[in-house]
Protein backbone atom coordinates (compact mmCIF):
# COMPACT_ATOMS: atom_id res chain seq x y z
CA UNK A 1 19.95 -2.74 -6.82
CA UNK A 2 20.12 -5.95 -4.73
CA UNK A 3 17.13 -8.13 -5.13
CA UNK A 4 14.28 -6.96 -2.84
CA UNK A 5 13.00 -9.25 -0.04
CA UNK A 6 9.41 -9.99 -0.61
CA UNK A 7 7.52 -11.35 2.43
CA UNK A 8 3.99 -11.51 3.58
CA UNK A 9 2.80 -8.23 5.08
CA UNK A 10 3.99 -7.75 8.57
CA UNK A 11 2.77 -5.22 11.22
CA UNK A 12 5.47 -3.73 13.35
CA UNK A 13 4.67 -1.63 16.35
CA UNK A 14 6.78 -0.33 19.22
CA UNK A 15 3.96 1.27 21.20
CA UNK A 16 0.76 -0.61 20.62
CA UNK A 17 -1.13 1.59 23.09
CA UNK A 18 -0.86 4.59 20.76
CA UNK A 19 -3.65 5.01 18.26
CA UNK A 20 -3.75 7.39 15.50
CA UNK A 21 -7.32 7.84 14.57
CA UNK A 22 -8.38 11.50 14.32
CA UNK A 23 -5.33 12.62 15.98
CA UNK A 24 -4.84 16.32 14.68
CA UNK A 25 -2.18 17.94 16.90
CA UNK A 26 0.00 21.07 16.68
CA UNK A 27 2.67 19.58 19.00
CA UNK A 28 5.20 17.19 17.72
CA UNK A 29 5.17 15.23 21.01
CA UNK A 30 3.57 11.75 20.87
CA UNK A 31 2.64 11.98 24.52
CA UNK A 32 0.51 15.01 24.40
CA UNK A 33 -2.90 15.36 22.90
CA UNK A 34 -4.44 18.56 21.47
CA UNK A 35 -2.59 21.74 21.06
CA UNK A 36 -0.05 23.46 23.28
CA UNK A 37 -1.83 26.05 25.48
CA UNK A 38 -1.64 29.38 23.64
CA UNK A 39 -0.55 27.84 20.40
CA UNK A 40 -2.31 29.43 17.48
CA UNK A 41 -0.27 27.77 14.70
CA UNK A 42 -2.29 25.61 12.28
CA UNK A 43 -2.88 22.06 13.43
CA UNK A 44 -0.82 19.42 11.65
CA UNK A 45 -2.45 16.17 11.00
CA UNK A 46 -0.55 13.18 12.26
CA UNK A 47 0.88 10.71 11.63
CA UNK A 48 3.16 11.68 8.80
CA UNK A 49 3.34 8.94 6.23
CA UNK A 50 6.77 7.98 4.81
CA UNK A 51 6.75 5.82 1.63
CA UNK A 52 9.48 3.87 0.04
CA UNK A 53 9.04 4.14 -3.70
CA UNK A 54 10.49 1.23 -5.64
CA UNK A 55 8.51 -1.92 -5.36
CA UNK A 56 6.30 -0.11 -2.77
CA UNK A 57 4.64 2.42 -4.93
CA UNK A 58 6.45 1.97 -8.44
CA UNK A 59 7.33 -1.17 -10.12
CA UNK A 60 11.16 -1.55 -10.36
CA UNK A 61 12.35 -2.22 -13.86
CA UNK A 62 15.70 -3.56 -12.80
CA UNK A 63 14.60 -7.14 -12.12
CA UNK A 64 13.19 -7.85 -15.52
CA UNK A 65 13.56 -4.97 -18.00
CA UNK A 66 17.22 -4.20 -17.40
CA UNK A 67 18.61 -7.83 -17.83
CA UNK A 68 16.60 -7.98 -21.09
CA UNK A 69 18.08 -4.59 -22.11
CA UNK A 70 21.64 -5.97 -21.70
CA UNK A 71 20.67 -9.23 -23.29
CA UNK A 72 21.77 -11.34 -20.33
CA UNK A 73 20.10 -13.21 -17.40
CA UNK A 74 19.90 -11.52 -13.93
CA UNK A 75 22.72 -13.68 -12.45
CA UNK A 76 25.13 -12.80 -15.25
CA UNK A 77 24.29 -9.04 -14.78
CA UNK A 78 24.84 -9.23 -11.12
CA UNK A 79 28.15 -11.00 -11.65
CA UNK A 80 29.53 -8.43 -14.13
CA UNK A 81 28.21 -5.21 -12.81
CA UNK A 82 30.33 -3.16 -10.44
CA UNK A 83 29.15 -3.91 -6.81
CA UNK A 84 29.29 -0.18 -5.62
CA UNK A 85 28.56 1.85 -8.78
CA UNK A 86 24.77 1.92 -8.22
CA UNK A 87 25.10 2.55 -4.52
CA UNK A 88 27.41 5.44 -5.16
CA UNK A 89 24.86 6.78 -7.75
CA UNK A 90 22.11 6.49 -5.29
CA UNK A 91 24.21 8.34 -2.71
CA UNK A 92 24.82 11.18 -5.06
CA UNK A 93 28.50 10.54 -5.00
CA UNK A 94 28.78 9.96 -8.73
CA UNK A 95 26.73 11.45 -11.62
CA UNK A 96 25.22 9.31 -14.55
CA UNK A 97 28.26 9.85 -16.72
CA UNK A 98 30.47 8.37 -14.06
CA UNK A 99 27.93 5.63 -13.60
CA UNK A 100 28.30 4.82 -17.35
CA UNK A 101 32.06 4.35 -16.86
CA UNK A 102 31.74 2.34 -13.69
CA UNK A 103 28.58 0.30 -14.15
CA UNK A 104 30.45 -2.78 -15.43
CA UNK A 105 33.50 -4.00 -13.69
CA UNK A 106 35.27 -4.39 -16.98
CA UNK A 107 34.52 -0.83 -17.99
CA UNK A 108 32.62 -1.87 -21.21
CA UNK A 109 30.60 0.84 -22.98
CA UNK A 110 26.92 0.75 -23.18
CA UNK A 111 24.06 2.87 -24.24
CA UNK A 112 23.28 5.05 -21.18
CA UNK A 113 20.36 6.85 -22.81
CA UNK A 114 18.89 3.47 -23.89
CA UNK A 115 19.12 2.24 -20.33
CA UNK A 116 17.31 5.34 -19.06
CA UNK A 117 14.54 4.84 -21.55
CA UNK A 118 14.43 1.24 -20.62
CA UNK A 119 13.87 2.37 -16.94
CA UNK A 120 11.32 4.94 -17.90
CA UNK A 121 9.38 2.47 -19.84
CA UNK A 122 9.20 0.05 -16.92
CA UNK A 123 8.16 2.48 -14.29
CA UNK A 124 4.45 2.05 -13.51
CA UNK A 125 2.32 2.20 -10.33
CA UNK A 126 1.84 -1.03 -8.52
CA UNK A 127 -1.69 -2.32 -8.46
CA UNK A 128 -3.86 -0.11 -6.24
CA UNK A 129 -1.21 2.22 -5.04
CA UNK A 130 -2.17 5.28 -7.03
CA UNK A 131 -5.68 4.94 -5.67
CA UNK A 132 -4.29 4.45 -2.20
CA UNK A 133 -2.09 7.55 -2.35
CA UNK A 134 -5.07 9.59 -3.91
CA UNK A 135 -7.25 8.59 -0.95
CA UNK A 136 -4.62 9.47 1.66
CA UNK A 137 -3.97 12.68 0.08
CA UNK A 138 -7.69 13.56 -0.09
CA UNK A 139 -7.84 12.84 3.58
CA UNK A 140 -5.15 15.44 4.20
CA UNK A 141 -2.36 13.23 5.32
CA UNK A 142 1.21 14.64 5.05
CA UNK A 143 3.00 12.11 2.68
CA UNK A 144 6.70 12.05 1.85
CA UNK A 145 8.87 9.82 -0.34
CA UNK A 146 11.66 8.20 1.81
CA UNK A 147 13.65 6.43 -0.91
CA UNK A 148 17.09 5.01 -1.82
CA UNK A 149 17.17 6.24 -5.45
CA UNK A 150 19.46 8.36 -7.66
CA UNK A 151 18.68 11.46 -9.52
CA UNK A 152 16.65 9.31 -11.98
CA UNK A 153 13.75 9.72 -9.47
CA UNK A 154 13.02 12.74 -11.80
CA UNK A 155 12.26 10.33 -14.50
CA UNK A 156 9.67 8.62 -12.39
CA UNK A 157 8.17 11.95 -11.43
CA UNK A 158 8.00 13.05 -15.08
CA UNK A 159 6.17 9.83 -16.10
CA UNK A 160 3.97 9.08 -13.01
CA UNK A 161 3.55 12.51 -11.35
CA UNK A 162 3.95 11.19 -7.83
CA UNK A 163 4.13 14.67 -6.60
CA UNK A 164 0.33 14.92 -6.99
CA UNK A 165 0.18 12.78 -3.83
CA UNK A 166 3.46 13.09 -1.98
CA UNK A 167 6.60 15.22 -1.69
CA UNK A 168 9.85 13.97 -3.00
CA UNK A 169 11.51 15.11 0.37
CA UNK A 170 13.89 12.28 1.40
CA UNK A 171 15.88 10.81 -1.51
CA UNK A 172 19.23 9.26 -0.88
CA UNK A 173 20.89 10.97 -3.77
CA UNK A 174 20.21 14.41 -2.09
CA UNK A 175 20.83 13.23 1.51
CA UNK A 176 24.07 11.31 0.78
CA UNK A 177 22.70 8.52 3.03
CA UNK A 178 20.80 5.32 2.32
CA UNK A 179 18.43 3.25 4.27
CA UNK A 180 18.88 1.26 6.55
CA UNK A 181 21.32 3.84 7.95
CA UNK A 182 19.77 4.98 11.24
CA UNK A 183 21.21 8.36 10.77
CA UNK A 184 19.10 8.91 7.55
CA UNK A 185 15.96 8.09 9.66
CA UNK A 186 17.01 10.54 12.31
CA UNK A 187 17.60 13.29 9.82
CA UNK A 188 14.05 12.60 8.41
CA UNK A 189 12.23 13.23 11.80
CA UNK A 190 14.57 16.10 12.47
CA UNK A 191 13.65 17.77 9.28
CA UNK A 192 9.94 17.12 9.77
CA UNK A 193 10.02 18.49 13.31
CA UNK A 194 8.10 15.49 14.76
CA UNK A 195 8.86 12.69 17.15
CA UNK A 196 9.63 9.30 15.56
CA UNK A 197 6.45 7.88 16.77
CA UNK A 198 4.59 10.47 14.95
CA UNK A 199 5.59 8.68 11.61
CA UNK A 200 4.44 5.58 9.88
CA UNK A 201 7.01 4.16 7.60
CA UNK A 202 6.09 1.82 4.70
CA UNK A 203 8.76 -0.21 2.80
CA UNK A 204 9.01 -3.54 1.02
CA UNK A 205 12.28 -4.40 2.61
CA UNK A 206 12.08 -5.77 6.24
CA UNK A 207 15.75 -4.52 7.00
CA UNK A 208 14.53 -0.95 6.22
CA UNK A 209 11.37 -1.41 8.34
CA UNK A 210 13.40 -2.75 11.31
CA UNK A 211 15.72 0.39 11.24
CA UNK A 212 12.62 2.60 11.31
CA UNK A 213 11.24 0.64 14.35
CA UNK A 214 14.56 0.77 16.19
CA UNK A 215 14.62 4.62 16.07
CA UNK A 216 10.95 4.75 17.31
CA UNK A 217 8.81 4.93 14.17
CA UNK A 218 5.88 2.74 13.29
CA UNK A 219 6.81 0.44 10.51
CA UNK A 220 4.86 -1.55 7.91
CA UNK A 221 6.33 -4.07 5.63
CA UNK A 222 4.69 -3.73 2.23
CA UNK A 223 3.40 -6.67 0.22
CA UNK A 224 0.52 -5.21 -1.82
CA UNK A 225 -1.99 -2.38 -1.65
CA UNK A 226 -4.86 -4.52 -0.21
CA UNK A 227 -2.65 -5.72 2.61
CA UNK A 228 -1.46 -2.22 3.30
CA UNK A 229 -4.97 -0.94 3.67
CA UNK A 230 -5.66 -3.58 6.31
CA UNK A 231 -2.47 -2.82 8.13
CA UNK A 232 -3.11 0.89 8.14
CA UNK A 233 -6.58 0.19 9.53
CA UNK A 234 -4.88 -1.58 12.53
CA UNK A 235 -3.24 1.85 13.18
CA UNK A 236 -6.49 3.58 13.04
CA UNK A 237 -6.20 4.82 9.50
CA UNK A 238 -9.37 3.46 7.71
CA UNK A 239 -9.36 3.61 3.94
CA UNK A 240 -11.93 2.89 1.37
CA UNK A 241 -10.16 2.71 -2.03
CA UNK A 242 -12.07 4.31 -5.04
CA UNK A 243 -12.67 2.08 -7.98
CA UNK A 244 -11.01 3.87 -10.95
């Protein structure tokens, strides 16, 4: 739960000569167009879109709501919480009961259910992101969550119903790995059965985007929905957001 790095939107590209507009292919190879001769499998629309969740799609309550829940400023909270407990929780190495015993370095008790309700209350779509996901889904893009988050992602799903737009396919708590570990990215493309350059990865943290680029993905550093629409258009994905 380290503080996120918020920067202006940046467009990263390893292969600027590749464009994605109207690329529906059955083959996972980036270098071939159309379908493999004799292939009768359904065509798969590419690119695959991989979205970080916290502070990319969903507001992260940790930075404002959680310090208020504990009745302390953020700096004090960061000073007294265990430096690894949340990371272990995100990696699926400990469950929420163990988190409760390790969250603070001094082992103090706190209201775990109250913390979960605080988080739930704070989850909301970032401005424009539900409409953006709705539009991409309607255009038949394959969309997956690629997120560092514990089992509490199910609370997000219960409240916001992200699965209407994407699949919760790649969560650190299930994979046992966290971004920006390159192995996590390689497992993602291996699971999807595509080449890295057949993926566009969107995240608010430049370090995570950098790792995606280094293994061959396209990477976009998220700032806000309007900027993301412009950056996707540079990759040939043109979107007109509905007004709802």
